[in-house]
Full PDB file with SEQRES, HELIX, SHEET, SSBOND, CRYST1, ORIGX, SCALE, CONECT and MASTER records, all heavy atoms in Angstrom:
SEQRES   1 A   40  THR ARG PHE ALA LEU ALA THR ALA PRO GLU ALA GLU ARG          
SEQRES   2 A   40  VAL GLU LEU CYS LEU VAL ASP ALA ASP GLY ARG GLN ARG          
SEQRES   3 A   40  THR VAL ASP LEU THR ARG ALA GLY THR GLY ASP GLY GLY          
SEQRES   4 A   40  ASP                                                          
SHEET    1 AA1 2 GLU A  15  VAL A  19  0                                        
SHEET    2 AA1 2 GLN A  25  ASP A  29 -1                                        
CRYST1    1.000    1.000    1.000  90.00  90.00  90.00 P 1           1          
ORIGX1      1.000000  0.000000  0.000000        0.00000                         
ORIGX2      0.000000  1.000000  0.000000        0.00000                         
ORIGX3      0.000000  0.000000  1.000000        0.00000                         
SCALE1      1.000000  0.000000  0.000000        0.00000                         
SCALE2      0.000000  1.000000  0.000000        0.00000                         
SCALE3      0.000000  0.000000  1.000000        0.00000                         
ATOM      1  N   THR A   1      10.366   1.401   0.948  1.00  0.00           N  
ATOM      2  CA  THR A   1      10.726   0.347  -0.001  1.00  0.00           C  
ATOM      3  C   THR A   1       9.528  -0.550  -0.231  1.00  0.00           C  
ATOM      4  O   THR A   1       8.869  -0.991   0.718  1.00  0.00           O  
ATOM      5  CB  THR A   1      11.909  -0.501   0.510  1.00  0.00           C  
ATOM      6  OG1 THR A   1      13.054   0.338   0.650  1.00  0.00           O  
ATOM      7  CG2 THR A   1      12.238  -1.621  -0.451  1.00  0.00           C  
ATOM      8  N   ARG A   2       9.250  -0.819  -1.507  1.00  0.00           N  
ATOM      9  CA  ARG A   2       8.189  -1.760  -1.882  1.00  0.00           C  
ATOM     10  C   ARG A   2       8.789  -3.154  -1.980  1.00  0.00           C  
ATOM     11  O   ARG A   2       9.907  -3.345  -2.468  1.00  0.00           O  
ATOM     12  CB  ARG A   2       7.588  -1.387  -3.241  1.00  0.00           C  
ATOM     13  CG  ARG A   2       6.934  -0.029  -3.308  1.00  0.00           C  
ATOM     14  CD  ARG A   2       6.550   0.310  -4.733  1.00  0.00           C  
ATOM     15  NE  ARG A   2       5.520  -0.584  -5.270  1.00  0.00           N  
ATOM     16  CZ  ARG A   2       5.216  -0.678  -6.564  1.00  0.00           C  
ATOM     17  NH1 ARG A   2       5.872   0.054  -7.453  1.00  0.00           N  
ATOM     18  NH2 ARG A   2       4.265  -1.503  -6.969  1.00  0.00           N  
ATOM     19  N   PHE A   3       8.041  -4.129  -1.555  1.00  0.00           N  
ATOM     20  CA  PHE A   3       8.450  -5.530  -1.637  1.00  0.00           C  
ATOM     21  C   PHE A   3       7.346  -6.324  -2.325  1.00  0.00           C  
ATOM     22  O   PHE A   3       6.165  -6.094  -2.087  1.00  0.00           O  
ATOM     23  CB  PHE A   3       8.689  -6.112  -0.238  1.00  0.00           C  
ATOM     24  CG  PHE A   3       9.822  -5.474   0.510  1.00  0.00           C  
ATOM     25  CD1 PHE A   3       9.605  -4.343   1.295  1.00  0.00           C  
ATOM     26  CD2 PHE A   3      11.100  -6.007   0.434  1.00  0.00           C  
ATOM     27  CE1 PHE A   3      10.654  -3.757   1.993  1.00  0.00           C  
ATOM     28  CE2 PHE A   3      12.152  -5.431   1.132  1.00  0.00           C  
ATOM     29  CZ  PHE A   3      11.928  -4.301   1.916  1.00  0.00           C  
ATOM     30  N   ALA A   4       7.740  -7.259  -3.177  1.00  0.00           N  
ATOM     31  CA  ALA A   4       6.771  -8.128  -3.856  1.00  0.00           C  
ATOM     32  C   ALA A   4       7.358  -9.524  -4.006  1.00  0.00           C  
ATOM     33  O   ALA A   4       8.539  -9.681  -4.337  1.00  0.00           O  
ATOM     34  CB  ALA A   4       6.394  -7.570  -5.216  1.00  0.00           C  
ATOM     35  N   LEU A   5       6.537 -10.529  -3.782  1.00  0.00           N  
ATOM     36  CA  LEU A   5       6.971 -11.923  -3.763  1.00  0.00           C  
ATOM     37  C   LEU A   5       5.857 -12.799  -4.301  1.00  0.00           C  
ATOM     38  O   LEU A   5       4.670 -12.492  -4.108  1.00  0.00           O  
ATOM     39  CB  LEU A   5       7.325 -12.333  -2.329  1.00  0.00           C  
ATOM     40  CG  LEU A   5       7.854 -13.741  -2.100  1.00  0.00           C  
ATOM     41  CD1 LEU A   5       9.294 -13.856  -2.585  1.00  0.00           C  
ATOM     42  CD2 LEU A   5       7.763 -14.106  -0.614  1.00  0.00           C  
ATOM     43  N   ALA A   6       6.205 -13.894  -4.956  1.00  0.00           N  
ATOM     44  CA  ALA A   6       5.215 -14.876  -5.415  1.00  0.00           C  
ATOM     45  C   ALA A   6       5.371 -16.166  -4.619  1.00  0.00           C  
ATOM     46  O   ALA A   6       6.493 -16.599  -4.324  1.00  0.00           O  
ATOM     47  CB  ALA A   6       5.391 -15.162  -6.896  1.00  0.00           C  
ATOM     48  N   THR A   7       4.245 -16.795  -4.302  1.00  0.00           N  
ATOM     49  CA  THR A   7       4.249 -18.075  -3.594  1.00  0.00           C  
ATOM     50  C   THR A   7       3.215 -19.004  -4.214  1.00  0.00           C  
ATOM     51  O   THR A   7       2.419 -18.610  -5.080  1.00  0.00           O  
ATOM     52  CB  THR A   7       3.900 -17.904  -2.104  1.00  0.00           C  
ATOM     53  OG1 THR A   7       2.494 -17.605  -1.989  1.00  0.00           O  
ATOM     54  CG2 THR A   7       4.726 -16.810  -1.450  1.00  0.00           C  
ATOM     55  N   ALA A   8       3.217 -20.219  -3.725  1.00  0.00           N  
ATOM     56  CA  ALA A   8       2.180 -21.173  -4.101  1.00  0.00           C  
ATOM     57  C   ALA A   8       0.846 -20.709  -3.538  1.00  0.00           C  
ATOM     58  O   ALA A   8       0.793 -20.007  -2.527  1.00  0.00           O  
ATOM     59  CB  ALA A   8       2.524 -22.556  -3.564  1.00  0.00           C  
ATOM     60  N   PRO A   9      -0.275 -21.101  -4.171  1.00  0.00           N  
ATOM     61  CA  PRO A   9      -1.594 -20.663  -3.689  1.00  0.00           C  
ATOM     62  C   PRO A   9      -1.907 -21.167  -2.281  1.00  0.00           C  
ATOM     63  O   PRO A   9      -2.743 -20.579  -1.590  1.00  0.00           O  
ATOM     64  CB  PRO A   9      -2.560 -21.235  -4.721  1.00  0.00           C  
ATOM     65  CG  PRO A   9      -1.806 -22.320  -5.412  1.00  0.00           C  
ATOM     66  CD  PRO A   9      -0.382 -21.893  -5.401  1.00  0.00           C  
ATOM     67  N   GLU A  10      -1.240 -22.226  -1.852  1.00  0.00           N  
ATOM     68  CA  GLU A  10      -1.521 -22.786  -0.518  1.00  0.00           C  
ATOM     69  C   GLU A  10      -0.913 -21.959   0.606  1.00  0.00           C  
ATOM     70  O   GLU A  10      -1.219 -22.192   1.786  1.00  0.00           O  
ATOM     71  CB  GLU A  10      -1.010 -24.221  -0.417  1.00  0.00           C  
ATOM     72  CG  GLU A  10      -1.747 -25.220  -1.301  1.00  0.00           C  
ATOM     73  CD  GLU A  10      -1.222 -25.289  -2.714  1.00  0.00           C  
ATOM     74  OE1 GLU A  10      -0.324 -24.460  -3.058  1.00  0.00           O  
ATOM     75  OE2 GLU A  10      -1.675 -26.148  -3.501  1.00  0.00           O  
ATOM     76  N   ALA A  11      -0.027 -21.001   0.271  1.00  0.00           N  
ATOM     77  CA  ALA A  11       0.578 -20.172   1.305  1.00  0.00           C  
ATOM     78  C   ALA A  11      -0.507 -19.375   2.031  1.00  0.00           C  
ATOM     79  O   ALA A  11      -1.399 -18.802   1.400  1.00  0.00           O  
ATOM     80  CB  ALA A  11       1.613 -19.234   0.706  1.00  0.00           C  
ATOM     81  N   GLU A  12      -0.415 -19.318   3.357  1.00  0.00           N  
ATOM     82  CA  GLU A  12      -1.455 -18.681   4.165  1.00  0.00           C  
ATOM     83  C   GLU A  12      -1.049 -17.303   4.672  1.00  0.00           C  
ATOM     84  O   GLU A  12      -1.901 -16.455   4.959  1.00  0.00           O  
ATOM     85  CB  GLU A  12      -1.797 -19.578   5.352  1.00  0.00           C  
ATOM     86  CG  GLU A  12      -2.332 -20.946   4.909  1.00  0.00           C  
ATOM     87  CD  GLU A  12      -2.275 -21.985   6.020  1.00  0.00           C  
ATOM     88  OE1 GLU A  12      -1.718 -21.668   7.102  1.00  0.00           O  
ATOM     89  OE2 GLU A  12      -2.767 -23.113   5.815  1.00  0.00           O  
ATOM     90  N   ARG A  13       0.260 -17.078   4.784  1.00  0.00           N  
ATOM     91  CA  ARG A  13       0.734 -15.810   5.337  1.00  0.00           C  
ATOM     92  C   ARG A  13       2.195 -15.638   4.935  1.00  0.00           C  
ATOM     93  O   ARG A  13       2.956 -16.609   4.888  1.00  0.00           O  
ATOM     94  CB  ARG A  13       0.599 -15.811   6.859  1.00  0.00           C  
ATOM     95  CG  ARG A  13       1.114 -14.576   7.570  1.00  0.00           C  
ATOM     96  CD  ARG A  13       1.077 -14.802   9.078  1.00  0.00           C  
ATOM     97  NE  ARG A  13       1.693 -13.703   9.830  1.00  0.00           N  
ATOM     98  CZ  ARG A  13       2.137 -13.788  11.078  1.00  0.00           C  
ATOM     99  NH1 ARG A  13       2.005 -14.953  11.734  1.00  0.00           N  
ATOM    100  NH2 ARG A  13       2.681 -12.749  11.672  1.00  0.00           N  
ATOM    101  N   VAL A  14       2.600 -14.407   4.623  1.00  0.00           N  
ATOM    102  CA  VAL A  14       3.992 -14.108   4.294  1.00  0.00           C  
ATOM    103  C   VAL A  14       4.471 -12.973   5.168  1.00  0.00           C  
ATOM    104  O   VAL A  14       3.843 -11.896   5.203  1.00  0.00           O  
ATOM    105  CB  VAL A  14       4.158 -13.732   2.807  1.00  0.00           C  
ATOM    106  CG1 VAL A  14       5.603 -13.319   2.521  1.00  0.00           C  
ATOM    107  CG2 VAL A  14       3.752 -14.907   1.905  1.00  0.00           C  
ATOM    108  N   GLU A  15       5.575 -13.206   5.872  1.00  0.00           N  
ATOM    109  CA  GLU A  15       6.188 -12.183   6.715  1.00  0.00           C  
ATOM    110  C   GLU A  15       7.490 -11.701   6.075  1.00  0.00           C  
ATOM    111  O   GLU A  15       8.334 -12.519   5.688  1.00  0.00           O  
ATOM    112  CB  GLU A  15       6.519 -12.726   8.098  1.00  0.00           C  
ATOM    113  CG  GLU A  15       5.329 -13.097   8.944  1.00  0.00           C  
ATOM    114  CD  GLU A  15       5.798 -13.661  10.279  1.00  0.00           C  
ATOM    115  OE1 GLU A  15       6.168 -14.857  10.316  1.00  0.00           O  
ATOM    116  OE2 GLU A  15       5.817 -12.916  11.266  1.00  0.00           O  
ATOM    117  N   LEU A  16       7.637 -10.395   5.974  1.00  0.00           N  
ATOM    118  CA  LEU A  16       8.919  -9.788   5.599  1.00  0.00           C  
ATOM    119  C   LEU A  16       9.739  -9.610   6.864  1.00  0.00           C  
ATOM    120  O   LEU A  16       9.263  -9.011   7.837  1.00  0.00           O  
ATOM    121  CB  LEU A  16       8.664  -8.443   4.924  1.00  0.00           C  
ATOM    122  CG  LEU A  16       9.889  -7.550   4.697  1.00  0.00           C  
ATOM    123  CD1 LEU A  16      10.818  -8.173   3.666  1.00  0.00           C  
ATOM    124  CD2 LEU A  16       9.457  -6.154   4.286  1.00  0.00           C  
ATOM    125  N   CYS A  17      10.956 -10.120   6.866  1.00  0.00           N  
ATOM    126  CA  CYS A  17      11.850 -10.004   8.020  1.00  0.00           C  
ATOM    127  C   CYS A  17      12.915  -8.968   7.704  1.00  0.00           C  
ATOM    128  O   CYS A  17      13.719  -9.162   6.785  1.00  0.00           O  
ATOM    129  CB  CYS A  17      12.505 -11.337   8.344  1.00  0.00           C  
ATOM    130  SG  CYS A  17      11.327 -12.612   8.796  1.00  0.00           S  
ATOM    131  N   LEU A  18      12.940  -7.872   8.432  1.00  0.00           N  
ATOM    132  CA  LEU A  18      13.933  -6.820   8.284  1.00  0.00           C  
ATOM    133  C   LEU A  18      14.951  -7.000   9.406  1.00  0.00           C  
ATOM    134  O   LEU A  18      14.601  -6.930  10.596  1.00  0.00           O  
ATOM    135  CB  LEU A  18      13.272  -5.444   8.356  1.00  0.00           C  
ATOM    136  CG  LEU A  18      12.179  -5.205   7.302  1.00  0.00           C  
ATOM    137  CD1 LEU A  18      11.408  -3.926   7.591  1.00  0.00           C  
ATOM    138  CD2 LEU A  18      12.793  -5.154   5.911  1.00  0.00           C  
ATOM    139  N   VAL A  19      16.181  -7.252   9.032  1.00  0.00           N  
ATOM    140  CA  VAL A  19      17.205  -7.663  10.000  1.00  0.00           C  
ATOM    141  C   VAL A  19      18.211  -6.538  10.174  1.00  0.00           C  
ATOM    142  O   VAL A  19      18.772  -6.027   9.195  1.00  0.00           O  
ATOM    143  CB  VAL A  19      17.905  -8.948   9.541  1.00  0.00           C  
ATOM    144  CG1 VAL A  19      18.931  -9.408  10.571  1.00  0.00           C  
ATOM    145  CG2 VAL A  19      16.878 -10.058   9.286  1.00  0.00           C  
ATOM    146  N   ASP A  20      18.469  -6.170  11.435  1.00  0.00           N  
ATOM    147  CA  ASP A  20      19.432  -5.112  11.749  1.00  0.00           C  
ATOM    148  C   ASP A  20      20.845  -5.680  11.738  1.00  0.00           C  
ATOM    149  O   ASP A  20      21.065  -6.899  11.679  1.00  0.00           O  
ATOM    150  CB  ASP A  20      19.123  -4.518  13.120  1.00  0.00           C  
ATOM    151  CG  ASP A  20      17.766  -3.817  13.154  1.00  0.00           C  
ATOM    152  OD1 ASP A  20      17.326  -3.366  12.081  1.00  0.00           O  
ATOM    153  OD2 ASP A  20      17.172  -3.734  14.247  1.00  0.00           O  
ATOM    154  N   ALA A  21      21.808  -4.769  11.857  1.00  0.00           N  
ATOM    155  CA  ALA A  21      23.213  -5.171  11.829  1.00  0.00           C  
ATOM    156  C   ALA A  21      23.559  -6.108  12.978  1.00  0.00           C  
ATOM    157  O   ALA A  21      24.464  -6.949  12.857  1.00  0.00           O  
ATOM    158  CB  ALA A  21      24.106  -3.930  11.877  1.00  0.00           C  
ATOM    159  N   ASP A  22      22.850  -6.001  14.105  1.00  0.00           N  
ATOM    160  CA  ASP A  22      23.143  -6.869  15.250  1.00  0.00           C  
ATOM    161  C   ASP A  22      22.367  -8.176  15.203  1.00  0.00           C  
ATOM    162  O   ASP A  22      22.415  -8.961  16.159  1.00  0.00           O  
ATOM    163  CB  ASP A  22      22.858  -6.139  16.561  1.00  0.00           C  
ATOM    164  CG  ASP A  22      21.403  -5.705  16.687  1.00  0.00           C  
ATOM    165  OD1 ASP A  22      20.601  -6.045  15.780  1.00  0.00           O  
ATOM    166  OD2 ASP A  22      21.056  -5.045  17.680  1.00  0.00           O  
ATOM    167  N   GLY A  23      21.629  -8.410  14.088  1.00  0.00           N  
ATOM    168  CA  GLY A  23      20.917  -9.679  13.916  1.00  0.00           C  
ATOM    169  C   GLY A  23      19.494  -9.678  14.423  1.00  0.00           C  
ATOM    170  O   GLY A  23      18.791 -10.683  14.279  1.00  0.00           O  
ATOM    171  N   ARG A  24      19.037  -8.571  14.991  1.00  0.00           N  
ATOM    172  CA  ARG A  24      17.646  -8.521  15.453  1.00  0.00           C  
ATOM    173  C   ARG A  24      16.708  -8.292  14.265  1.00  0.00           C  
ATOM    174  O   ARG A  24      17.057  -7.613  13.314  1.00  0.00           O  
ATOM    175  CB  ARG A  24      17.470  -7.398  16.465  1.00  0.00           C  
ATOM    176  CG  ARG A  24      18.178  -7.664  17.792  1.00  0.00           C  
ATOM    177  CD  ARG A  24      17.953  -6.526  18.756  1.00  0.00           C  
ATOM    178  NE  ARG A  24      18.461  -5.263  18.229  1.00  0.00           N  
ATOM    179  CZ  ARG A  24      18.330  -4.094  18.863  1.00  0.00           C  
ATOM    180  NH1 ARG A  24      17.687  -4.038  20.015  1.00  0.00           N  
ATOM    181  NH2 ARG A  24      18.825  -2.988  18.310  1.00  0.00           N  
ATOM    182  N   GLN A  25      15.505  -8.837  14.356  1.00  0.00           N  
ATOM    183  CA  GLN A  25      14.550  -8.724  13.260  1.00  0.00           C  
ATOM    184  C   GLN A  25      13.269  -8.030  13.689  1.00  0.00           C  
ATOM    185  O   GLN A  25      12.900  -8.063  14.854  1.00  0.00           O  
ATOM    186  CB  GLN A  25      14.201 -10.093  12.698  1.00  0.00           C  
ATOM    187  CG  GLN A  25      13.366 -10.945  13.654  1.00  0.00           C  
ATOM    188  CD  GLN A  25      12.754 -12.173  12.984  1.00  0.00           C  
ATOM    189  OE1 GLN A  25      12.584 -12.221  11.783  1.00  0.00           O  
ATOM    190  NE2 GLN A  25      12.440 -13.175  13.794  1.00  0.00           N  
ATOM    191  N   ARG A  26      12.656  -7.378  12.746  1.00  0.00           N  
ATOM    192  CA  ARG A  26      11.270  -6.959  12.902  1.00  0.00           C  
ATOM    193  C   ARG A  26      10.521  -7.464  11.688  1.00  0.00           C  
ATOM    194  O   ARG A  26      11.078  -7.543  10.589  1.00  0.00           O  
ATOM    195  CB  ARG A  26      11.123  -5.441  13.067  1.00  0.00           C  
ATOM    196  CG  ARG A  26      11.509  -4.611  11.848  1.00  0.00           C  
ATOM    197  CD  ARG A  26      11.411  -3.121  12.165  1.00  0.00           C  
ATOM    198  NE  ARG A  26      11.880  -2.276  11.091  1.00  0.00           N  
ATOM    199  CZ  ARG A  26      11.090  -1.539  10.320  1.00  0.00           C  
ATOM    200  NH1 ARG A  26       9.765  -1.570  10.507  1.00  0.00           N  
ATOM    201  NH2 ARG A  26      11.587  -0.772   9.374  1.00  0.00           N  
ATOM    202  N   THR A  27       9.280  -7.839  11.872  1.00  0.00           N  
ATOM    203  CA  THR A  27       8.526  -8.473  10.790  1.00  0.00           C  
ATOM    204  C   THR A  27       7.356  -7.595  10.376  1.00  0.00           C  
ATOM    205  O   THR A  27       6.764  -6.876  11.180  1.00  0.00           O  
ATOM    206  CB  THR A  27       8.005  -9.853  11.204  1.00  0.00           C  
ATOM    207  OG1 THR A  27       7.108  -9.710  12.306  1.00  0.00           O  
ATOM    208  CG2 THR A  27       9.169 -10.769  11.573  1.00  0.00           C  
ATOM    209  N   VAL A  28       7.036  -7.671   9.093  1.00  0.00           N  
ATOM    210  CA  VAL A  28       5.908  -6.954   8.510  1.00  0.00           C  
ATOM    211  C   VAL A  28       5.149  -7.941   7.634  1.00  0.00           C  
ATOM    212  O   VAL A  28       5.748  -8.642   6.799  1.00  0.00           O  
ATOM    213  CB  VAL A  28       6.379  -5.767   7.653  1.00  0.00           C  
ATOM    214  CG1 VAL A  28       5.182  -5.066   7.006  1.00  0.00           C  
ATOM    215  CG2 VAL A  28       7.199  -4.788   8.483  1.00  0.00           C  
ATOM    216  N   ASP A  29       3.855  -8.022   7.808  1.00  0.00           N  
ATOM    217  CA  ASP A  29       3.052  -8.919   6.990  1.00  0.00           C  
ATOM    218  C   ASP A  29       2.824  -8.320   5.612  1.00  0.00           C  
ATOM    219  O   ASP A  29       2.526  -7.131   5.474  1.00  0.00           O  
ATOM    220  CB  ASP A  29       1.708  -9.195   7.664  1.00  0.00           C  
ATOM    221  CG  ASP A  29       1.810 -10.283   8.697  1.00  0.00           C  
ATOM    222  OD1 ASP A  29       2.134  -9.965   9.855  1.00  0.00           O  
ATOM    223  OD2 ASP A  29       1.592 -11.449   8.334  1.00  0.00           O  
ATOM    224  N   LEU A  30       2.961  -9.163   4.592  1.00  0.00           N  
ATOM    225  CA  LEU A  30       2.643  -8.762   3.221  1.00  0.00           C  
ATOM    226  C   LEU A  30       1.165  -8.997   2.960  1.00  0.00           C  
ATOM    227  O   LEU A  30       0.527  -9.847   3.601  1.00  0.00           O  
ATOM    228  CB  LEU A  30       3.487  -9.543   2.211  1.00  0.00           C  
ATOM    229  CG  LEU A  30       4.861  -8.933   1.864  1.00  0.00           C  
ATOM    230  CD1 LEU A  30       5.789  -8.985   3.060  1.00  0.00           C  
ATOM    231  CD2 LEU A  30       5.494  -9.675   0.689  1.00  0.00           C  
ATOM    232  N   THR A  31       0.627  -8.262   1.997  1.00  0.00           N  
ATOM    233  CA  THR A  31      -0.784  -8.364   1.631  1.00  0.00           C  
ATOM    234  C   THR A  31      -0.921  -9.239   0.398  1.00  0.00           C  
ATOM    235  O   THR A  31      -0.170  -9.098  -0.571  1.00  0.00           O  
ATOM    236  CB  THR A  31      -1.370  -6.976   1.344  1.00  0.00           C  
ATOM    237  OG1 THR A  31      -1.235  -6.166   2.512  1.00  0.00           O  
ATOM    238  CG2 THR A  31      -2.830  -7.068   0.941  1.00  0.00           C  
ATOM    239  N   ARG A  32      -1.894 -10.143   0.437  1.00  0.00           N  
ATOM    240  CA  ARG A  32      -2.180 -10.970  -0.726  1.00  0.00           C  
ATOM    241  C   ARG A  32      -2.790 -10.086  -1.809  1.00  0.00           C  
ATOM    242  O   ARG A  32      -3.835  -9.476  -1.617  1.00  0.00           O  
ATOM    243  CB  ARG A  32      -3.134 -12.093  -0.332  1.00  0.00           C  
ATOM    244  CG  ARG A  32      -3.361 -13.158  -1.390  1.00  0.00           C  
ATOM    245  CD  ARG A  32      -4.340 -14.207  -0.868  1.00  0.00           C  
ATOM    246  NE  ARG A  32      -4.598 -15.228  -1.852  1.00  0.00           N  
ATOM    247  CZ  ARG A  32      -4.223 -16.491  -1.747  1.00  0.00           C  
ATOM    248  NH1 ARG A  32      -3.559 -16.888  -0.662  1.00  0.00           N  
ATOM    249  NH2 ARG A  32      -4.504 -17.372  -2.677  1.00  0.00           N  
ATOM    250  N   ALA A  33      -2.109 -10.006  -2.989  1.00  0.00           N  
ATOM    251  CA  ALA A  33      -2.473  -8.970  -3.962  1.00  0.00           C  
ATOM    252  C   ALA A  33      -2.982  -9.495  -5.290  1.00  0.00           C  
ATOM    253  O   ALA A  33      -3.311  -8.701  -6.173  1.00  0.00           O  
ATOM    254  CB  ALA A  33      -1.262  -8.070  -4.220  1.00  0.00           C  
ATOM    255  N   GLY A  34      -3.052 -10.793  -5.494  1.00  0.00           N  
ATOM    256  CA  GLY A  34      -3.556 -11.280  -6.777  1.00  0.00           C  
ATOM    257  C   GLY A  34      -3.035 -12.659  -7.086  1.00  0.00           C  
ATOM    258  O   GLY A  34      -2.115 -13.168  -6.430  1.00  0.00           O  
ATOM    259  N   THR A  35      -3.643 -13.256  -8.107  1.00  0.00           N  
ATOM    260  CA  THR A  35      -3.262 -14.608  -8.513  1.00  0.00           C  
ATOM    261  C   THR A  35      -2.897 -14.601  -9.984  1.00  0.00           C  
ATOM    262  O   THR A  35      -3.591 -14.000 -10.814  1.00  0.00           O  
ATOM    263  CB  THR A  35      -4.432 -15.598  -8.286  1.00  0.00           C  
ATOM    264  OG1 THR A  35      -4.801 -15.558  -6.915  1.00  0.00           O  
ATOM    265  CG2 THR A  35      -4.003 -17.009  -8.668  1.00  0.00           C  
ATOM    266  N   GLY A  36      -1.783 -15.266 -10.319  1.00  0.00           N  
ATOM    267  CA  GLY A  36      -1.313 -15.341 -11.687  1.00  0.00           C  
ATOM    268  C   GLY A  36      -1.958 -16.456 -12.467  1.00  0.00           C  
ATOM    269  O   GLY A  36      -2.693 -17.285 -11.919  1.00  0.00           O  
ATOM    270  N   ASP A  37      -1.676 -16.486 -13.763  1.00  0.00           N  
ATOM    271  CA  ASP A  37      -2.255 -17.505 -14.631  1.00  0.00           C  
ATOM    272  C   ASP A  37      -1.843 -18.900 -14.208  1.00  0.00           C  
ATOM    273  O   ASP A  37      -2.587 -19.866 -14.407  1.00  0.00           O  
ATOM    274  CB  ASP A  37      -1.837 -17.257 -16.085  1.00  0.00           C  
ATOM    275  CG  ASP A  37      -2.429 -15.970 -16.633  1.00  0.00           C  
ATOM    276  OD1 ASP A  37      -3.422 -15.501 -16.069  1.00  0.00           O  
ATOM    277  OD2 ASP A  37      -1.877 -15.446 -17.613  1.00  0.00           O  
ATOM    278  N   GLY A  38      -0.648 -19.031 -13.634  1.00  0.00           N  
ATOM    279  CA  GLY A  38      -0.179 -20.343 -13.220  1.00  0.00           C  
ATOM    280  C   GLY A  38      -0.680 -20.753 -11.847  1.00  0.00           C  
ATOM    281  O   GLY A  38      -0.293 -21.810 -11.339  1.00  0.00           O  
ATOM    282  N   GLY A  39      -1.514 -19.905 -11.201  1.00  0.00           N  
ATOM    283  CA  GLY A  39      -2.038 -20.221  -9.881  1.00  0.00           C  
ATOM    284  C   GLY A  39      -1.207 -19.656  -8.753  1.00  0.00           C  
ATOM    285  O   GLY A  39      -1.633 -19.682  -7.589  1.00  0.00           O  
ATOM    286  N   ASP A  40      -0.020 -19.126  -9.044  1.00  0.00           N  
ATOM    287  CA  ASP A  40       0.829 -18.551  -8.014  1.00  0.00           C  
ATOM    288  C   ASP A  40       0.202 -17.246  -7.509  1.00  0.00           C  
ATOM    289  O   ASP A  40      -0.555 -16.571  -8.209  1.00  0.00           O  
ATOM    290  CB  ASP A  40       2.240 -18.310  -8.531  1.00  0.00           C  
ATOM    291  CG  ASP A  40       2.251 -17.736  -9.943  1.00  0.00           C  
ATOM    292  OD1 ASP A  40       1.611 -18.347 -10.812  1.00  0.00           O  
ATOM    293  OD2 ASP A  40       2.888 -16.693 -10.156  1.00  0.00           O  
TER     294      ASP A  40                                                      
MASTER        0    0    0    0    2    0    0    6  293    1    0    4          
END                                                                             
């Protein structure tokens, strides 16, 4: 599965949290992939 998200330029790190049925999580760091015209 591909994931994509936009944040403010001040964001330093984004973690994807994958949550199991029992509530446990595993995290995956997203890669900074570009900047939009609005600075996001």
